[in-house]
Amino acid sequence: MLDFHRVHFYPEPSSSSGIDLDRIISDVAQVFTNCILDVCKPFFFEHHRIDIERARVSEIKQPFERQPKEHQDFDLYGRPTALYDGFELQRILAPAFQTDVHIIFTDLLTCTFSEDDWRYHARAVICGTPSIISTTGIVEAPAKPREFYISQFGADINSLKKKLAGRFIDYGDKRMTEVAAGYVLQALFFFVADGEPFCESDACRLYNAHWQEDLIRTQVENPMLCLKHRSLANKFNRRLAAKGMI
């Protein structure tokens, strides 16, 4: 457990995602009452482009150590973009973030490799040092309603999105801020709960939602922490107070 008392937030260089960082900090402050939360300058990944390109993924069915040197820019669904191994990004960036807790927002699509099905999966949050929250991952990582995948073949995607409007988070979605706040809490509980940021209860804001509809329910419609994690946060806050770390 890390008794942090400072959390530094790094917004995206552009505001295209529409995330309201002040609202996120307000949400976090209600849970971690004795922490100092501040906003730093945006983290410009392009300033570290040469290093960050080492984290690029082009073969989604090969682990990172087997990635080819020549990259093809296709995402998990075959669309042209770039994928980045989230843990490798952390390893590259970690030396610059050795004290306190740092949370970086980015539109880079982060992913991690799973040995369960031997492929990469998009991720919205990579917990650790630093913690990375991908606004693109918020849209792409949790699955959309099943009807979307059943109906998308031969269908107009924009019309399909209108038909299923409200049932998933899309780019420019006004609910992105509330969802991002939930991922910030998961990133912080990673340190509070000894590397276990998620909750098994689907009524808790720390629930690891694999479907967009679950994500909306836990982060927008009923954004609550379960009793167990409220208790953990309260103990953490009391410990900081007892140590004079406020």
Protein backbone atom coordinates (compact mmCIF):
# COMPACT_ATOMS: atom_id res chain seq x y z
CA MET A 1 0.00 0.00 0.00
CA LEU A 2 1.30 3.44 -0.94
CA ASP A 3 0.32 6.27 1.40
CA PHE A 4 0.31 8.95 -1.29
CA HIS A 5 -1.02 12.38 -0.47
CA ARG A 6 -0.41 14.19 -3.76
CA VAL A 7 -2.06 13.30 -7.06
CA HIS A 8 -1.01 15.09 -10.23
CA PHE A 9 -3.34 15.18 -13.24
CA TYR A 10 -2.13 15.72 -16.80
CA PRO A 11 -4.94 16.65 -19.22
CA GLU A 12 -4.94 15.84 -22.91
CA PRO A 13 -3.17 18.47 -25.04
CA SER A 14 -6.45 19.04 -26.89
CA SER A 15 -9.94 19.21 -25.39
CA SER A 16 -11.51 17.06 -28.11
CA SER A 17 -12.71 14.43 -25.63
CA GLY A 18 -14.69 17.06 -23.69
CA ILE A 19 -13.43 15.84 -20.31
CA ASP A 20 -13.99 18.34 -17.48
CA LEU A 21 -10.98 17.80 -15.24
CA ASP A 22 -12.34 20.12 -12.52
CA ARG A 23 -15.39 17.87 -12.14
CA ILE A 24 -13.21 14.79 -11.98
CA ILE A 25 -11.06 16.33 -9.26
CA SER A 26 -14.20 17.28 -7.34
CA ASP A 27 -15.39 13.64 -7.47
CA VAL A 28 -12.01 12.30 -6.38
CA ALA A 29 -11.76 14.83 -3.52
CA GLN A 30 -14.99 13.46 -2.04
CA VAL A 31 -13.38 10.02 -1.73
CA PHE A 32 -9.78 10.92 -0.94
CA THR A 33 -10.50 13.82 1.38
CA ASN A 34 -6.96 14.32 2.67
CA CYS A 35 -5.12 14.28 -0.64
CA ILE A 36 -3.75 17.27 -2.51
CA LEU A 37 -4.98 17.16 -6.11
CA ASP A 38 -3.45 19.41 -8.74
CA VAL A 39 -3.50 19.90 -12.50
CA CYS A 40 -0.20 19.97 -14.37
CA LYS A 41 0.53 21.01 -17.91
CA PRO A 42 -0.72 18.56 -20.54
CA PHE A 43 1.63 15.67 -21.17
CA PHE A 44 2.69 15.89 -24.79
CA PHE A 45 3.38 12.34 -25.91
CA GLU A 46 4.68 13.65 -29.22
CA HIS A 47 7.62 15.22 -27.35
CA HIS A 48 8.66 11.66 -26.49
CA ARG A 49 7.74 10.19 -29.86
CA ILE A 50 10.98 8.29 -30.48
CA ASP A 51 10.78 6.49 -27.13
CA ILE A 52 7.03 5.93 -27.26
CA GLU A 53 7.21 4.32 -30.69
CA ARG A 54 8.98 1.44 -28.92
CA ALA A 55 5.60 0.62 -27.32
CA ARG A 56 3.77 0.37 -30.63
CA VAL A 57 1.80 -2.80 -31.36
CA SER A 58 0.92 -3.96 -34.86
CA GLU A 59 0.42 -7.72 -34.47
CA ILE A 60 -2.50 -8.10 -32.06
CA LYS A 61 -2.02 -11.87 -31.75
CA GLN A 62 1.62 -11.68 -30.72
CA PRO A 63 2.99 -10.65 -27.28
CA PHE A 64 5.09 -7.53 -27.09
CA GLU A 65 8.46 -9.26 -27.26
CA ARG A 66 7.46 -10.78 -30.62
CA GLN A 67 6.26 -7.56 -32.23
CA PRO A 68 7.81 -6.81 -35.64
CA LYS A 69 10.06 -3.81 -36.02
CA GLU A 70 8.03 -2.54 -38.96
CA HIS A 71 4.59 -1.37 -37.77
CA GLN A 72 1.26 -1.40 -39.55
CA ASP A 73 -1.24 1.06 -38.13
CA PHE A 74 -4.38 -1.01 -37.63
CA ASP A 75 -6.47 -1.25 -34.47
CA LEU A 76 -8.24 -4.28 -32.97
CA TYR A 77 -11.02 -4.01 -35.55
CA GLY A 78 -8.82 -3.57 -38.61
CA ARG A 79 -9.22 0.20 -38.82
CA PRO A 80 -6.18 2.39 -39.49
CA THR A 81 -4.80 3.75 -36.22
CA ALA A 82 -2.03 2.93 -33.73
CA LEU A 83 -2.06 0.67 -30.70
CA TYR A 84 0.34 1.02 -27.78
CA ASP A 85 1.23 -1.57 -25.16
CA GLY A 86 0.14 0.10 -21.92
CA PHE A 87 2.69 -1.61 -19.68
CA GLU A 88 5.53 -0.81 -22.07
CA LEU A 89 4.41 2.85 -22.09
CA GLN A 90 4.62 2.80 -18.30
CA ARG A 91 8.13 1.36 -18.37
CA ILE A 92 9.24 4.07 -20.78
CA LEU A 93 7.67 6.92 -18.78
CA ALA A 94 8.20 5.67 -15.21
CA PRO A 95 11.65 7.22 -14.61
CA ALA A 96 10.11 10.71 -14.87
CA PHE A 97 7.35 9.94 -12.33
CA GLN A 98 9.04 8.43 -9.28
CA THR A 99 7.32 10.44 -6.52
CA ASP A 100 3.60 10.96 -5.79
CA VAL A 101 0.83 9.59 -8.01
CA HIS A 102 0.53 10.76 -11.61
CA ILE A 103 -2.50 10.32 -13.87
CA ILE A 104 -2.08 11.05 -17.57
CA PHE A 105 -5.02 11.45 -19.95
CA THR A 106 -4.34 10.63 -23.59
CA ASP A 107 -6.12 9.80 -26.81
CA LEU A 108 -3.57 7.09 -27.57
CA LEU A 109 -5.28 3.70 -27.72
CA THR A 110 -3.65 1.63 -24.98
CA CYS A 111 -3.87 -2.15 -24.84
CA THR A 112 -2.53 -5.14 -22.93
CA PHE A 113 -1.81 -8.69 -24.03
CA SER A 114 -3.89 -11.54 -22.58
CA GLU A 115 -2.56 -15.09 -22.49
CA ASP A 116 -6.12 -16.35 -22.00
CA ASP A 117 -6.95 -15.85 -25.68
CA TRP A 118 -3.46 -14.92 -26.87
CA ARG A 119 -4.27 -11.46 -28.20
CA TYR A 120 -4.19 -7.79 -27.30
CA HIS A 121 -7.24 -6.05 -25.87
CA ALA A 122 -7.90 -2.32 -25.76
CA ARG A 123 -7.84 -0.82 -22.25
CA ALA A 124 -9.26 2.40 -20.86
CA VAL A 125 -6.96 2.49 -17.82
CA ILE A 126 -3.44 1.28 -17.15
CA CYS A 127 -2.87 1.43 -13.39
CA GLY A 128 0.54 2.06 -11.91
CA THR A 129 3.36 4.58 -12.29
CA PRO A 130 2.26 6.60 -14.10
CA SER A 131 -1.41 5.71 -14.46
CA ILE A 132 -2.63 6.21 -18.02
CA ILE A 133 -6.28 6.81 -18.93
CA SER A 134 -7.09 6.48 -22.61
CA THR A 135 -10.13 8.46 -23.75
CA THR A 136 -10.05 6.41 -26.95
CA GLY A 137 -10.01 3.28 -24.80
CA ILE A 138 -13.12 4.47 -22.94
CA VAL A 139 -14.94 4.32 -26.28
CA GLU A 140 -13.28 1.26 -27.78
CA ALA A 141 -12.43 -1.07 -24.87
CA PRO A 142 -15.79 -1.99 -23.25
CA ALA A 143 -17.98 -3.79 -25.76
CA LYS A 144 -21.00 -2.07 -27.26
CA PRO A 145 -24.46 -3.70 -27.03
CA ARG A 146 -24.66 -7.07 -28.78
CA GLU A 147 -27.10 -5.63 -31.32
CA PHE A 148 -24.34 -3.36 -32.58
CA TYR A 149 -22.16 -6.28 -33.64
CA ILE A 150 -25.03 -8.36 -34.97
CA SER A 151 -26.37 -5.52 -37.11
CA GLN A 152 -23.19 -3.76 -38.21
CA PHE A 153 -22.45 -5.98 -41.20
CA GLY A 154 -23.84 -4.23 -44.25
CA ALA A 155 -25.38 -1.50 -42.10
CA ASP A 156 -24.70 2.23 -42.00
CA ILE A 157 -22.68 2.70 -38.80
CA ASN A 158 -24.00 6.21 -38.15
CA SER A 159 -27.59 5.03 -38.45
CA LEU A 160 -26.83 2.10 -36.18
CA LYS A 161 -25.28 4.42 -33.60
CA LYS A 162 -28.38 6.61 -33.66
CA LYS A 163 -30.58 3.56 -33.16
CA LEU A 164 -28.55 2.52 -30.09
CA ALA A 165 -27.90 6.05 -28.83
CA GLY A 166 -27.41 6.31 -25.09
CA ARG A 167 -26.37 2.69 -24.66
CA PHE A 168 -22.64 3.27 -25.15
CA ILE A 169 -20.07 6.04 -24.77
CA ASP A 170 -19.01 7.59 -28.07
CA TYR A 171 -16.51 10.26 -29.04
CA GLY A 172 -17.55 13.69 -27.78
CA ASP A 173 -20.05 12.08 -25.36
CA LYS A 174 -21.08 14.38 -22.50
CA ARG A 175 -20.88 11.41 -20.11
CA MET A 176 -17.16 10.95 -20.77
CA THR A 177 -16.25 13.04 -17.70
CA GLU A 178 -18.21 10.85 -15.28
CA VAL A 179 -16.79 7.68 -16.78
CA ALA A 180 -13.24 9.07 -16.69
CA ALA A 181 -13.70 9.93 -12.98
CA GLY A 182 -14.49 6.28 -12.30
CA TYR A 183 -11.31 5.18 -14.03
CA VAL A 184 -9.32 7.70 -11.98
CA LEU A 185 -10.71 6.12 -8.82
CA GLN A 186 -9.68 2.70 -10.09
CA ALA A 187 -6.17 4.03 -10.73
CA LEU A 188 -5.98 5.38 -7.17
CA PHE A 189 -7.40 2.27 -5.52
CA PHE A 190 -4.64 0.33 -7.29
CA PHE A 191 -2.32 1.87 -4.68
CA VAL A 192 -4.79 1.68 -1.78
CA ALA A 193 -5.76 -1.97 -2.34
CA ASP A 194 -2.30 -3.44 -2.98
CA GLY A 195 -2.58 -3.66 -6.75
CA GLU A 196 -6.22 -4.80 -6.83
CA PRO A 197 -8.15 -1.78 -8.18
CA PHE A 198 -11.34 -3.59 -9.24
CA CYS A 199 -14.40 -4.74 -7.32
CA GLU A 200 -16.31 -7.97 -7.84
CA SER A 201 -19.62 -6.21 -7.11
CA ASP A 202 -21.34 -4.87 -10.21
CA ALA A 203 -22.94 -2.23 -7.97
CA CYS A 204 -19.58 -0.61 -7.21
CA ARG A 205 -17.85 2.11 -9.17
CA LEU A 206 -14.70 0.01 -9.17
CA TYR A 207 -16.39 -2.80 -11.09
CA ASN A 208 -14.32 -3.78 -14.12
CA ALA A 209 -16.99 -3.28 -16.78
CA HIS A 210 -16.44 -5.23 -19.99
CA TRP A 211 -19.66 -3.92 -21.57
CA GLN A 212 -20.53 -0.30 -22.26
CA GLU A 213 -23.96 -0.69 -20.67
CA ASP A 214 -22.34 -1.87 -17.42
CA LEU A 215 -19.91 1.04 -17.63
CA ILE A 216 -22.76 3.55 -17.95
CA ARG A 217 -24.70 1.97 -15.11
CA THR A 218 -21.77 1.97 -12.66
CA GLN A 219 -20.24 5.33 -13.60
CA VAL A 220 -23.16 7.48 -14.77
CA GLU A 221 -26.49 6.13 -13.52
CA ASN A 222 -25.37 4.96 -10.06
CA PRO A 223 -21.75 6.02 -9.41
CA MET A 224 -21.29 4.62 -5.91
CA LEU A 225 -18.53 2.81 -4.06
CA CYS A 226 -19.46 -0.36 -2.23
CA LEU A 227 -19.19 -0.53 1.56
CA LYS A 228 -15.87 -2.39 1.39
CA HIS A 229 -14.18 0.25 -0.74
CA ARG A 230 -15.72 3.19 1.14
CA SER A 231 -14.23 1.64 4.27
CA LEU A 232 -10.82 1.27 2.59
CA ALA A 233 -10.89 4.92 1.53
CA ASN A 234 -11.88 6.06 5.03
CA LYS A 235 -9.04 4.06 6.61
CA PHE A 236 -6.62 5.50 4.08
CA ASN A 237 -7.75 9.06 4.85
CA ARG A 238 -7.43 8.48 8.60
CA ARG A 239 -3.96 7.03 8.15
CA LEU A 240 -2.82 10.11 6.23
CA ALA A 241 -4.21 12.32 8.98
CA ALA A 242 -2.48 10.31 11.67
CA LYS A 243 0.83 10.63 9.83
CA GLY A 244 0.34 14.35 9.34
CA MET A 245 0.35 13.90 5.56
CA ILE A 246 -2.33 16.54 4.91
